[in-house]
Amino acid sequence: MTIQFSTKNFAQADLNNPKQLKASLATLLAQSSDCLVLAYSKADLDALEASKAKSGLLLELDRLLGGSVTHANLVGDLDAQQASTCVIRAEKSWVASGVKVKRVLLVSLGDIAPASARSLSSYSKIARAALKQLSGGSIQNALWFIPSFALGHRADFIAEEVRLTIQYAGDQAYRFGVRQPAMKFKAKDKPDTFAHLIFAGNDACAKEL
């Protein structure tokens, strides 16, 4: 089995701009995809839990998903620890907000304030955790919004993140049943259904994708 990789540009999608956050999330959620992959920080989770917070990635996402993010947090599925993951599956209430994705995979960046947390080694850990959630199930394609994962400030950092993600996804596909015909393996070792990863970006990172 092989995985197909492609890119998609959402020119004005900017999750770091409070004025564009809602519209950007709405655009991403309106895509026909088995799974939208977004990364969040400890600060985003703190904002979700703060009673007086007015804006934040998870807070705005929760509004668009009819409270699904808050519910996930209340039952303990959301965590601030780096590389923790949470899959939120579509509910009927999502339709009212124009949501077409079947799932949202949230991946924690952890506390990104320390410089040590903003490294390619940190990204490697985070990317592997996300890819593990995408494989071995019924997900065939996923939209990976790469700007939300950006931990570094170098111009080529996003390009490196994309390269590493492709490498890890390829390695993972090989482990799930890609063998030479002459090689024997157990019947349960079936090819993964996950076949297409779309790297989504915006104008700010278009050159790196």
N, C-alpha and C. Protein backbone atom coordinates (compact mmCIF):
# COMPACT_ATOMS: atom_id res chain seq x y z
N MET A 1 0.82 -1.20 0.00
CA MET A 1 0.00 0.00 0.00
C MET A 1 0.86 1.26 0.00
N THR A 2 0.42 2.28 -0.70
CA THR A 2 1.12 3.56 -0.70
C THR A 2 0.15 4.66 -0.28
N ILE A 3 0.71 5.74 0.22
CA ILE A 3 -0.10 6.88 0.62
C ILE A 3 0.08 8.01 -0.39
N GLN A 4 -1.02 8.62 -0.77
CA GLN A 4 -0.97 9.76 -1.68
C GLN A 4 -0.87 11.04 -0.85
N PHE A 5 -0.02 11.95 -1.30
CA PHE A 5 0.12 13.24 -0.62
C PHE A 5 -0.23 14.36 -1.60
N SER A 6 -0.91 15.36 -1.09
CA SER A 6 -1.22 16.52 -1.92
C SER A 6 -1.31 17.76 -1.03
N THR A 7 -1.45 18.92 -1.64
CA THR A 7 -1.54 20.16 -0.88
C THR A 7 -2.80 20.93 -1.29
N LYS A 8 -3.27 21.75 -0.38
CA LYS A 8 -4.43 22.60 -0.66
C LYS A 8 -4.23 23.92 0.06
N ASN A 9 -4.43 25.01 -0.66
CA ASN A 9 -4.19 26.33 -0.08
C ASN A 9 -5.49 27.05 0.26
N PHE A 10 -5.61 27.44 1.52
CA PHE A 10 -6.72 28.28 1.96
C PHE A 10 -6.11 29.65 2.24
N ALA A 11 -6.14 30.49 1.23
CA ALA A 11 -5.36 31.73 1.21
C ALA A 11 -5.44 32.55 2.49
N GLN A 12 -6.63 32.78 3.00
CA GLN A 12 -6.80 33.68 4.15
C GLN A 12 -6.97 32.95 5.48
N ALA A 13 -6.83 31.65 5.50
CA ALA A 13 -7.02 30.90 6.75
C ALA A 13 -5.90 31.21 7.73
N ASP A 14 -6.25 31.84 8.83
CA ASP A 14 -5.26 32.24 9.83
C ASP A 14 -5.84 32.02 11.22
N LEU A 15 -5.39 30.98 11.89
CA LEU A 15 -5.91 30.64 13.21
C LEU A 15 -5.26 31.47 14.31
N ASN A 16 -4.25 32.23 13.97
CA ASN A 16 -3.57 33.08 14.96
C ASN A 16 -4.15 34.49 15.02
N ASN A 17 -4.99 34.81 14.08
CA ASN A 17 -5.62 36.13 14.03
C ASN A 17 -7.04 36.02 14.59
N PRO A 18 -7.30 36.60 15.77
CA PRO A 18 -8.63 36.51 16.38
C PRO A 18 -9.76 36.96 15.47
N LYS A 19 -9.49 37.94 14.61
CA LYS A 19 -10.53 38.46 13.73
C LYS A 19 -10.86 37.48 12.60
N GLN A 20 -9.93 36.61 12.28
CA GLN A 20 -10.15 35.65 11.19
C GLN A 20 -10.35 34.23 11.69
N LEU A 21 -10.27 34.02 12.98
CA LEU A 21 -10.31 32.67 13.55
C LEU A 21 -11.59 31.93 13.21
N LYS A 22 -12.74 32.54 13.47
CA LYS A 22 -14.01 31.87 13.23
C LYS A 22 -14.19 31.52 11.76
N ALA A 23 -13.94 32.49 10.88
CA ALA A 23 -14.11 32.26 9.44
C ALA A 23 -13.14 31.20 8.94
N SER A 24 -11.92 31.22 9.47
CA SER A 24 -10.91 30.24 9.05
C SER A 24 -11.31 28.83 9.44
N LEU A 25 -11.76 28.67 10.68
CA LEU A 25 -12.20 27.35 11.15
C LEU A 25 -13.42 26.88 10.36
N ALA A 26 -14.35 27.78 10.10
CA ALA A 26 -15.56 27.42 9.35
C ALA A 26 -15.20 26.92 7.96
N THR A 27 -14.22 27.56 7.33
CA THR A 27 -13.77 27.14 6.00
C THR A 27 -13.17 25.74 6.04
N LEU A 28 -12.33 25.48 7.03
CA LEU A 28 -11.68 24.17 7.15
C LEU A 28 -12.70 23.08 7.47
N LEU A 29 -13.64 23.39 8.34
CA LEU A 29 -14.66 22.41 8.73
C LEU A 29 -15.64 22.11 7.61
N ALA A 30 -15.75 23.00 6.65
CA ALA A 30 -16.69 22.82 5.54
C ALA A 30 -16.14 21.94 4.43
N GLN A 31 -14.91 21.45 4.59
CA GLN A 31 -14.31 20.58 3.58
C GLN A 31 -14.82 19.15 3.72
N SER A 32 -15.01 18.49 2.60
CA SER A 32 -15.43 17.08 2.62
C SER A 32 -14.20 16.22 2.88
N SER A 33 -14.06 15.78 4.11
CA SER A 33 -12.89 14.99 4.50
C SER A 33 -13.27 14.05 5.63
N ASP A 34 -12.58 12.92 5.69
CA ASP A 34 -12.82 11.99 6.80
C ASP A 34 -12.34 12.57 8.12
N CYS A 35 -11.33 13.44 8.05
CA CYS A 35 -10.77 13.96 9.30
C CYS A 35 -10.01 15.27 9.06
N LEU A 36 -10.28 16.26 9.91
CA LEU A 36 -9.51 17.50 9.93
C LEU A 36 -8.55 17.42 11.10
N VAL A 37 -7.27 17.63 10.83
CA VAL A 37 -6.25 17.53 11.88
C VAL A 37 -5.78 18.93 12.27
N LEU A 38 -5.95 19.26 13.54
CA LEU A 38 -5.55 20.57 14.06
C LEU A 38 -4.71 20.39 15.31
N ALA A 39 -3.75 21.28 15.49
CA ALA A 39 -2.94 21.25 16.71
C ALA A 39 -3.35 22.42 17.60
N TYR A 40 -3.30 22.18 18.91
CA TYR A 40 -3.63 23.22 19.88
C TYR A 40 -2.55 23.27 20.95
N SER A 41 -2.46 24.39 21.64
CA SER A 41 -1.45 24.56 22.69
C SER A 41 -2.10 24.52 24.07
N LYS A 42 -1.28 24.48 25.09
CA LYS A 42 -1.77 24.54 26.47
C LYS A 42 -2.57 25.82 26.68
N ALA A 43 -2.12 26.91 26.07
CA ALA A 43 -2.82 28.19 26.20
C ALA A 43 -4.23 28.11 25.61
N ASP A 44 -4.39 27.37 24.52
CA ASP A 44 -5.71 27.19 23.91
C ASP A 44 -6.64 26.42 24.86
N LEU A 45 -6.10 25.40 25.52
CA LEU A 45 -6.89 24.62 26.46
C LEU A 45 -7.25 25.45 27.69
N ASP A 46 -6.31 26.25 28.15
CA ASP A 46 -6.57 27.13 29.30
C ASP A 46 -7.70 28.11 28.97
N ALA A 47 -7.70 28.62 27.74
CA ALA A 47 -8.74 29.57 27.33
C ALA A 47 -10.11 28.89 27.28
N LEU A 48 -10.14 27.63 26.86
CA LEU A 48 -11.40 26.88 26.81
C LEU A 48 -11.97 26.72 28.21
N GLU A 49 -11.09 26.50 29.17
CA GLU A 49 -11.53 26.24 30.54
C GLU A 49 -11.79 27.52 31.34
N ALA A 50 -11.32 28.65 30.84
CA ALA A 50 -11.50 29.92 31.55
C ALA A 50 -12.90 30.48 31.29
N SER A 51 -13.61 30.77 32.35
CA SER A 51 -15.00 31.23 32.23
C SER A 51 -15.13 32.59 31.56
N LYS A 52 -14.08 33.42 31.64
CA LYS A 52 -14.16 34.77 31.09
C LYS A 52 -13.48 34.91 29.73
N ALA A 53 -12.93 33.83 29.22
CA ALA A 53 -12.24 33.90 27.92
C ALA A 53 -13.24 34.16 26.79
N LYS A 54 -12.86 35.03 25.87
CA LYS A 54 -13.75 35.38 24.77
C LYS A 54 -13.31 34.78 23.44
N SER A 55 -12.03 34.43 23.35
CA SER A 55 -11.52 33.92 22.09
C SER A 55 -10.42 32.89 22.33
N GLY A 56 -10.23 32.03 21.34
CA GLY A 56 -9.23 30.99 21.42
C GLY A 56 -9.57 29.90 20.43
N LEU A 57 -8.58 29.16 19.98
CA LEU A 57 -8.80 28.12 18.97
C LEU A 57 -9.86 27.11 19.41
N LEU A 58 -9.67 26.51 20.58
CA LEU A 58 -10.60 25.48 21.04
C LEU A 58 -11.96 26.08 21.39
N LEU A 59 -11.95 27.29 21.90
CA LEU A 59 -13.20 27.96 22.27
C LEU A 59 -14.05 28.23 21.03
N GLU A 60 -13.44 28.73 19.99
CA GLU A 60 -14.18 29.02 18.76
C GLU A 60 -14.59 27.73 18.06
N LEU A 61 -13.71 26.74 18.10
CA LEU A 61 -14.04 25.43 17.51
C LEU A 61 -15.23 24.81 18.23
N ASP A 62 -15.26 24.97 19.54
CA ASP A 62 -16.36 24.44 20.35
C ASP A 62 -17.69 25.06 19.94
N ARG A 63 -17.68 26.35 19.67
CA ARG A 63 -18.91 27.04 19.25
C ARG A 63 -19.41 26.51 17.91
N LEU A 64 -18.49 26.26 17.01
CA LEU A 64 -18.87 25.76 15.69
C LEU A 64 -19.31 24.30 15.73
N LEU A 65 -18.81 23.56 16.71
CA LEU A 65 -19.15 22.13 16.82
C LEU A 65 -20.20 21.86 17.88
N GLY A 66 -20.92 22.89 18.27
CA GLY A 66 -22.05 22.70 19.18
C GLY A 66 -21.72 22.16 20.55
N GLY A 67 -20.55 22.52 21.08
CA GLY A 67 -20.18 22.10 22.42
C GLY A 67 -19.42 20.79 22.50
N SER A 68 -19.08 20.22 21.35
CA SER A 68 -18.39 18.92 21.33
C SER A 68 -17.01 18.97 21.97
N VAL A 69 -16.32 20.10 21.83
CA VAL A 69 -14.98 20.23 22.40
C VAL A 69 -15.05 20.32 23.92
N THR A 70 -16.00 21.09 24.42
CA THR A 70 -16.20 21.18 25.87
C THR A 70 -16.53 19.82 26.46
N HIS A 71 -17.38 19.07 25.77
CA HIS A 71 -17.74 17.73 26.25
C HIS A 71 -16.51 16.84 26.31
N ALA A 72 -15.69 16.89 25.27
CA ALA A 72 -14.47 16.07 25.25
C ALA A 72 -13.56 16.44 26.41
N ASN A 73 -13.51 17.71 26.73
CA ASN A 73 -12.67 18.16 27.84
C ASN A 73 -13.24 17.70 29.18
N LEU A 74 -14.55 17.77 29.33
CA LEU A 74 -15.19 17.38 30.59
C LEU A 74 -15.01 15.90 30.89
N VAL A 75 -14.97 15.07 29.85
CA VAL A 75 -14.81 13.63 30.08
C VAL A 75 -13.34 13.22 30.11
N GLY A 76 -12.45 14.21 30.01
CA GLY A 76 -11.02 13.92 30.15
C GLY A 76 -10.29 13.53 28.89
N ASP A 77 -10.90 13.77 27.72
CA ASP A 77 -10.25 13.38 26.47
C ASP A 77 -9.22 14.40 25.98
N LEU A 78 -9.34 15.63 26.45
CA LEU A 78 -8.38 16.67 26.07
C LEU A 78 -7.31 16.81 27.15
N ASP A 79 -6.08 16.99 26.72
CA ASP A 79 -4.97 17.09 27.67
C ASP A 79 -3.96 18.11 27.16
N ALA A 80 -3.32 18.80 28.10
CA ALA A 80 -2.31 19.79 27.73
C ALA A 80 -0.95 19.16 27.45
N GLN A 81 -0.78 17.90 27.80
CA GLN A 81 0.51 17.25 27.61
C GLN A 81 0.84 17.13 26.13
N GLN A 82 2.08 17.43 25.79
CA GLN A 82 2.51 17.39 24.40
C GLN A 82 2.30 16.01 23.77
N ALA A 83 1.75 16.00 22.56
CA ALA A 83 1.49 14.80 21.76
C ALA A 83 0.26 14.01 22.20
N SER A 84 -0.51 14.52 23.14
CA SER A 84 -1.77 13.86 23.47
C SER A 84 -2.76 14.15 22.35
N THR A 85 -3.66 13.21 22.10
CA THR A 85 -4.60 13.35 20.98
C THR A 85 -6.03 13.13 21.42
N CYS A 86 -6.95 13.69 20.66
CA CYS A 86 -8.37 13.54 20.93
C CYS A 86 -9.12 13.55 19.61
N VAL A 87 -9.90 12.51 19.37
CA VAL A 87 -10.71 12.43 18.15
C VAL A 87 -12.16 12.76 18.50
N ILE A 88 -12.70 13.77 17.85
CA ILE A 88 -14.10 14.15 18.05
C ILE A 88 -14.87 13.77 16.79
N ARG A 89 -15.86 12.92 16.95
CA ARG A 89 -16.62 12.43 15.80
C ARG A 89 -17.86 13.29 15.55
N ALA A 90 -18.25 13.34 14.30
CA ALA A 90 -19.35 14.20 13.88
C ALA A 90 -20.66 13.87 14.59
N GLU A 91 -21.41 14.90 14.90
CA GLU A 91 -22.74 14.78 15.48
C GLU A 91 -23.73 15.50 14.57
N LYS A 92 -25.00 15.19 14.73
CA LYS A 92 -26.02 15.79 13.87
C LYS A 92 -26.05 17.30 13.98
N SER A 93 -25.71 17.81 15.16
CA SER A 93 -25.76 19.26 15.39
C SER A 93 -24.73 20.01 14.55
N TRP A 94 -23.71 19.31 14.06
CA TRP A 94 -22.66 19.97 13.28
C TRP A 94 -23.19 20.52 11.96
N VAL A 95 -24.21 19.88 11.43
CA VAL A 95 -24.73 20.26 10.11
C VAL A 95 -25.19 21.71 10.10
N ALA A 96 -25.75 22.16 11.21
CA ALA A 96 -26.27 23.53 11.30
C ALA A 96 -25.17 24.57 11.10
N SER A 97 -23.94 24.19 11.40
CA SER A 97 -22.80 25.11 11.22
C SER A 97 -22.08 24.89 9.90
N GLY A 98 -22.65 24.05 9.04
CA GLY A 98 -22.05 23.79 7.74
C GLY A 98 -20.84 22.90 7.79
N VAL A 99 -20.72 22.11 8.85
CA VAL A 99 -19.56 21.22 9.01
C VAL A 99 -19.73 19.97 8.16
N LYS A 100 -18.72 19.67 7.35
CA LYS A 100 -18.77 18.49 6.49
C LYS A 100 -17.74 17.43 6.87
N VAL A 101 -16.72 17.81 7.63
CA VAL A 101 -15.73 16.81 8.03
C VAL A 101 -16.38 15.79 8.95
N LYS A 102 -15.94 14.55 8.87
CA LYS A 102 -16.53 13.48 9.67
C LYS A 102 -15.93 13.38 11.07
N ARG A 103 -14.72 13.91 11.20
CA ARG A 103 -14.03 13.88 12.49
C ARG A 103 -13.10 15.08 12.58
N VAL A 104 -12.77 15.42 13.81
CA VAL A 104 -11.72 16.41 14.05
C VAL A 104 -10.71 15.77 14.99
N LEU A 105 -9.48 15.68 14.55
CA LEU A 105 -8.41 15.14 15.39
C LEU A 105 -7.63 16.32 15.96
N LEU A 106 -7.67 16.44 17.29
CA LEU A 106 -6.95 17.50 17.98
C LEU A 106 -5.67 16.94 18.58
N VAL A 107 -4.57 17.60 18.32
CA VAL A 107 -3.26 17.14 18.79
C VAL A 107 -2.62 18.25 19.61
N SER A 108 -2.15 17.90 20.80
CA SER A 108 -1.59 18.91 21.69
C SER A 108 -0.13 19.22 21.40
N LEU A 109 0.17 20.52 21.29
CA LEU A 109 1.55 20.98 21.17
C LEU A 109 2.20 21.11 22.54
N GLY A 110 1.37 21.06 23.58
CA GLY A 110 1.87 21.25 24.94
C GLY A 110 2.10 22.72 25.24
N ASP A 111 2.96 22.98 26.19
CA ASP A 111 3.33 24.35 26.54
C ASP A 111 4.44 24.80 25.60
N ILE A 112 4.12 25.68 24.68
CA ILE A 112 5.10 26.08 23.67
C ILE A 112 5.85 27.35 24.04
N ALA A 113 5.68 27.80 25.28
CA ALA A 113 6.41 28.99 25.72
C ALA A 113 7.93 28.77 25.78
N PRO A 114 8.40 27.64 26.35
CA PRO A 114 9.86 27.40 26.38
C PRO A 114 10.40 27.17 24.97
N ALA A 115 11.58 27.69 24.69
CA ALA A 115 12.19 27.51 23.37
C ALA A 115 12.42 26.03 23.06
N SER A 116 12.69 25.24 24.10
CA SER A 116 12.96 23.82 23.91
C SER A 116 11.76 23.07 23.36
N ALA A 117 10.57 23.64 23.55
CA ALA A 117 9.35 22.98 23.07
C ALA A 117 9.11 23.24 21.60
N ARG A 118 9.80 24.23 21.05
CA ARG A 118 9.60 24.60 19.65
C ARG A 118 10.76 24.08 18.81
N SER A 119 10.77 22.78 18.61
CA SER A 119 11.87 22.14 17.88
C SER A 119 11.32 21.05 16.97
N LEU A 120 12.16 20.61 16.04
CA LEU A 120 11.75 19.53 15.15
C LEU A 120 11.60 18.21 15.89
N SER A 121 12.37 18.03 16.96
CA SER A 121 12.23 16.80 17.75
C SER A 121 10.87 16.77 18.43
N SER A 122 10.41 17.94 18.89
CA SER A 122 9.07 18.02 19.48
C SER A 122 8.02 17.73 18.42
N TYR A 123 8.20 18.31 17.23
CA TYR A 123 7.25 18.08 16.15
C TYR A 123 7.20 16.61 15.78
N SER A 124 8.33 15.95 15.76
CA SER A 124 8.38 14.53 15.41
C SER A 124 7.48 13.71 16.33
N LYS A 125 7.57 13.99 17.60
CA LYS A 125 6.75 13.29 18.59
C LYS A 125 5.27 13.56 18.36
N ILE A 126 4.95 14.82 18.09
CA ILE A 126 3.56 15.23 17.87
C ILE A 126 3.00 14.61 16.59
N ALA A 127 3.78 14.65 15.51
CA ALA A 127 3.33 14.11 14.23
C ALA A 127 3.09 12.61 14.30
N ARG A 128 3.98 11.90 14.94
CA ARG A 128 3.82 10.44 15.08
C ARG A 128 2.54 10.10 15.83
N ALA A 129 2.24 10.87 16.87
CA ALA A 129 1.03 10.62 17.66
C ALA A 129 -0.22 10.85 16.81
N ALA A 130 -0.20 11.90 15.99
CA ALA A 130 -1.34 12.19 15.13
C ALA A 130 -1.53 11.12 14.07
N LEU A 131 -0.45 10.72 13.43
CA LEU A 131 -0.53 9.70 12.38
C LEU A 131 -1.00 8.36 12.92
N LYS A 132 -0.63 8.06 14.14
CA LYS A 132 -1.08 6.82 14.77
C LYS A 132 -2.59 6.80 14.89
N GLN A 133 -3.19 7.95 15.19
CA GLN A 133 -4.64 8.04 15.31
C GLN A 133 -5.33 7.91 13.95
N LEU A 134 -4.65 8.34 12.90
CA LEU A 134 -5.25 8.29 11.57
C LEU A 134 -5.23 6.90 10.96
N SER A 135 -4.34 6.05 11.43
CA SER A 135 -4.18 4.73 10.82
C SER A 135 -4.95 3.64 11.56
N GLY A 136 -5.15 2.54 10.86
CA GLY A 136 -5.74 1.37 11.48
C GLY A 136 -7.23 1.44 11.71
N GLY A 137 -7.90 2.46 11.18
CA GLY A 137 -9.34 2.59 11.38
C GLY A 137 -10.06 2.77 10.06
N SER A 138 -11.12 3.58 10.08
CA SER A 138 -11.93 3.77 8.87
C SER A 138 -11.61 5.07 8.15
N ILE A 139 -10.57 5.77 8.59
CA ILE A 139 -10.20 7.03 7.96
C ILE A 139 -9.41 6.76 6.68
N GLN A 140 -9.91 7.26 5.57
CA GLN A 140 -9.22 7.07 4.29
C GLN A 140 -8.44 8.30 3.86
N ASN A 141 -8.90 9.47 4.27
CA ASN A 141 -8.20 10.70 3.91
C ASN A 141 -8.28 11.70 5.05
N ALA A 142 -7.32 12.59 5.12
CA ALA A 142 -7.29 13.58 6.19
C ALA A 142 -6.73 14.90 5.68
N LEU A 143 -7.25 15.98 6.25
CA LEU A 143 -6.80 17.33 5.93
C LEU A 143 -5.98 17.84 7.11
N TRP A 144 -4.68 17.98 6.89
CA TRP A 144 -3.72 18.32 7.95
C TRP A 144 -3.38 19.80 7.82
N PHE A 145 -3.93 20.65 8.72
CA PHE A 145 -3.67 22.09 8.61
C PHE A 145 -2.32 22.40 9.22
N ILE A 146 -1.31 22.44 8.37
CA ILE A 146 0.08 22.53 8.81
C ILE A 146 0.41 23.82 9.58
N PRO A 147 -0.19 24.99 9.29
CA PRO A 147 0.17 26.18 10.08
C PRO A 147 -0.12 26.04 11.57
N SER A 148 -1.11 25.23 11.93
CA SER A 148 -1.41 25.07 13.36
C SER A 148 -0.33 24.27 14.08
N PHE A 149 0.51 23.56 13.31
CA PHE A 149 1.59 22.76 13.90
C PHE A 149 2.92 23.51 13.94
N ALA A 150 2.96 24.70 13.35
CA ALA A 150 4.22 25.42 13.22
C ALA A 150 4.81 25.78 14.58
N LEU A 151 5.94 25.18 14.91
CA LEU A 151 6.59 25.42 16.20
C LEU A 151 7.81 26.32 16.08
N GLY A 152 8.36 26.41 14.89
CA GLY A 152 9.61 27.16 14.71
C GLY A 152 9.39 28.48 14.00
N HIS A 153 10.45 29.25 13.93
CA HIS A 153 10.36 30.57 13.30
C HIS A 153 11.25 30.69 12.07
N ARG A 154 12.01 29.63 11.76
CA ARG A 154 12.82 29.66 10.55
C ARG A 154 11.92 29.54 9.32
N ALA A 155 12.36 30.12 8.24
CA ALA A 155 11.56 30.12 7.02
C ALA A 155 11.31 28.71 6.50
N ASP A 156 12.26 27.81 6.74
CA ASP A 156 12.13 26.45 6.21
C ASP A 156 11.54 25.47 7.21
N PHE A 157 11.07 25.94 8.35
CA PHE A 157 10.61 25.03 9.39
C PHE A 157 9.39 24.24 8.94
N ILE A 158 8.42 24.91 8.32
CA ILE A 158 7.22 24.22 7.86
C ILE A 158 7.57 23.18 6.80
N ALA A 159 8.49 23.51 5.91
CA ALA A 159 8.91 22.55 4.90
C ALA A 159 9.50 21.31 5.54
N GLU A 160 10.26 21.49 6.61
CA GLU A 160 10.84 20.36 7.34
C GLU A 160 9.75 19.55 8.02
N GLU A 161 8.74 20.22 8.57
CA GLU A 161 7.63 19.51 9.21
C GLU A 161 6.88 18.65 8.19
N VAL A 162 6.66 19.20 7.02
CA VAL A 162 5.98 18.45 5.96
C VAL A 162 6.81 17.24 5.56
N ARG A 163 8.12 17.45 5.38
CA ARG A 163 9.01 16.35 4.99
C ARG A 163 8.98 15.22 6.02
N LEU A 164 9.05 15.58 7.29
CA LEU A 164 9.04 14.57 8.35
C LEU A 164 7.71 13.83 8.40
N THR A 165 6.62 14.56 8.21
CA THR A 165 5.30 13.93 8.24
C THR A 165 5.16 12.92 7.11
N ILE A 166 5.64 13.27 5.93
CA ILE A 166 5.60 12.35 4.79
C ILE A 166 6.43 11.10 5.09
N GLN A 167 7.59 11.31 5.68
CA GLN A 167 8.46 10.19 6.02
C GLN A 167 7.79 9.26 7.02
N TYR A 168 7.22 9.81 8.08
CA TYR A 168 6.58 9.00 9.11
C TYR A 168 5.34 8.29 8.59
N ALA A 169 4.57 8.98 7.75
CA ALA A 169 3.37 8.36 7.17
C ALA A 169 3.75 7.20 6.27
N GLY A 170 4.82 7.36 5.51
CA GLY A 170 5.30 6.28 4.65
C GLY A 170 5.77 5.09 5.45
N ASP A 171 6.51 5.36 6.51
CA ASP A 171 6.98 4.28 7.39
C ASP A 171 5.81 3.53 8.00
N GLN A 172 4.80 4.27 8.39
CA GLN A 172 3.63 3.67 9.03
C GLN A 172 2.86 2.81 8.05
N ALA A 173 2.72 3.27 6.80
CA ALA A 173 2.03 2.49 5.78
C ALA A 173 2.75 1.18 5.53
N TYR A 174 4.07 1.20 5.56
CA TYR A 174 4.86 -0.01 5.33
C TYR A 174 4.59 -1.03 6.43
N ARG A 175 4.49 -0.56 7.64
CA ARG A 175 4.26 -1.48 8.76
C ARG A 175 2.89 -2.13 8.69
N PHE A 176 1.94 -1.46 8.02
CA PHE A 176 0.60 -2.01 7.96
C PHE A 176 0.37 -2.80 6.67
N GLY A 177 1.21 -3.78 6.42
CA GLY A 177 0.89 -4.75 5.39
C GLY A 177 1.59 -4.61 4.06
N VAL A 178 2.45 -3.63 3.89
CA VAL A 178 3.17 -3.54 2.62
C VAL A 178 4.35 -4.49 2.68
N ARG A 179 4.23 -5.62 2.05
CA ARG A 179 5.24 -6.66 2.09
C ARG A 179 5.47 -7.20 0.67
N GLN A 180 6.60 -7.81 0.45
CA GLN A 180 6.82 -8.52 -0.80
C GLN A 180 5.93 -9.77 -0.80
N PRO A 181 5.40 -10.16 -1.97
CA PRO A 181 4.50 -11.32 -2.03
C PRO A 181 5.08 -12.58 -1.40
N ALA A 182 6.39 -12.74 -1.49
CA ALA A 182 7.02 -13.96 -0.96
C ALA A 182 7.12 -13.96 0.56
N MET A 183 6.95 -12.79 1.16
CA MET A 183 7.08 -12.70 2.61
C MET A 183 5.77 -13.09 3.28
N LYS A 184 5.88 -13.84 4.33
CA LYS A 184 4.70 -14.29 5.05
C LYS A 184 4.45 -13.39 6.25
N PHE A 185 3.19 -13.10 6.48
CA PHE A 185 2.84 -12.32 7.66
C PHE A 185 1.45 -12.76 8.12
N LYS A 186 1.13 -12.48 9.34
CA LYS A 186 -0.13 -12.92 9.92
C LYS A 186 -1.32 -12.29 9.20
N ALA A 187 -2.43 -13.01 9.20
CA ALA A 187 -3.62 -12.55 8.49
C ALA A 187 -4.14 -11.22 9.02
N LYS A 188 -3.92 -10.97 10.30
CA LYS A 188 -4.43 -9.73 10.89
C LYS A 188 -3.61 -8.51 10.45
N ASP A 189 -2.46 -8.77 9.83
CA ASP A 189 -1.61 -7.68 9.38
C ASP A 189 -2.14 -7.17 8.03
N LYS A 190 -3.22 -6.40 8.07
CA LYS A 190 -3.88 -5.93 6.87
C LYS A 190 -3.41 -4.53 6.48
N PRO A 191 -3.46 -4.24 5.19
CA PRO A 191 -3.08 -2.89 4.76
C PRO A 191 -3.97 -1.85 5.41
N ASP A 192 -3.39 -0.71 5.72
CA ASP A 192 -4.13 0.37 6.34
C ASP A 192 -5.08 1.00 5.33
N THR A 193 -6.26 1.42 5.80
CA THR A 193 -7.22 2.08 4.91
C THR A 193 -6.84 3.53 4.64
N PHE A 194 -5.99 4.09 5.49
CA PHE A 194 -5.60 5.49 5.33
C PHE A 194 -4.72 5.64 4.09
N ALA A 195 -5.20 6.41 3.11
CA ALA A 195 -4.52 6.44 1.81
C ALA A 195 -4.19 7.83 1.27
N HIS A 196 -4.71 8.89 1.88
CA HIS A 196 -4.49 10.22 1.30
C HIS A 196 -4.36 11.27 2.39
N LEU A 197 -3.21 11.92 2.44
CA LEU A 197 -2.97 12.99 3.41
C LEU A 197 -2.81 14.30 2.65
N ILE A 198 -3.68 15.25 2.98
CA ILE A 198 -3.66 16.55 2.31
C ILE A 198 -3.08 17.59 3.26
N PHE A 199 -1.98 18.19 2.87
CA PHE A 199 -1.38 19.26 3.67
C PHE A 199 -2.06 20.57 3.30
N ALA A 200 -2.80 21.13 4.24
CA ALA A 200 -3.50 22.39 4.00
C ALA A 200 -2.69 23.53 4.57
N GLY A 201 -2.65 24.63 3.84
CA GLY A 201 -1.90 25.79 4.31
C GLY A 201 -2.59 27.08 3.94
N ASN A 202 -1.86 28.17 4.04
CA ASN A 202 -2.38 29.48 3.65
C ASN A 202 -1.30 30.22 2.86
N ASP A 203 -1.59 31.45 2.51
CA ASP A 203 -0.63 32.20 1.70
C ASP A 203 0.71 32.39 2.40
N ALA A 204 0.67 32.46 3.73
CA ALA A 204 1.90 32.70 4.49
C ALA A 204 2.90 31.56 4.37
N CYS A 205 2.40 30.34 4.16
CA CYS A 205 3.31 29.19 4.09
C CYS A 205 3.25 28.49 2.74
N ALA A 206 2.65 29.12 1.75
CA ALA A 206 2.46 28.49 0.44
C ALA A 206 3.76 28.04 -0.20
N LYS A 207 4.83 28.80 -0.02
CA LYS A 207 6.11 28.46 -0.64
C LYS A 207 6.73 27.21 -0.01
N GLU A 208 6.38 26.91 1.24
CA GLU A 208 6.96 25.77 1.93
C GLU A 208 6.21 24.47 1.65
N LEU A 209 5.00 24.56 1.12
CA LEU A 209 4.20 23.37 0.87
C LEU A 209 4.47 22.80 -0.52
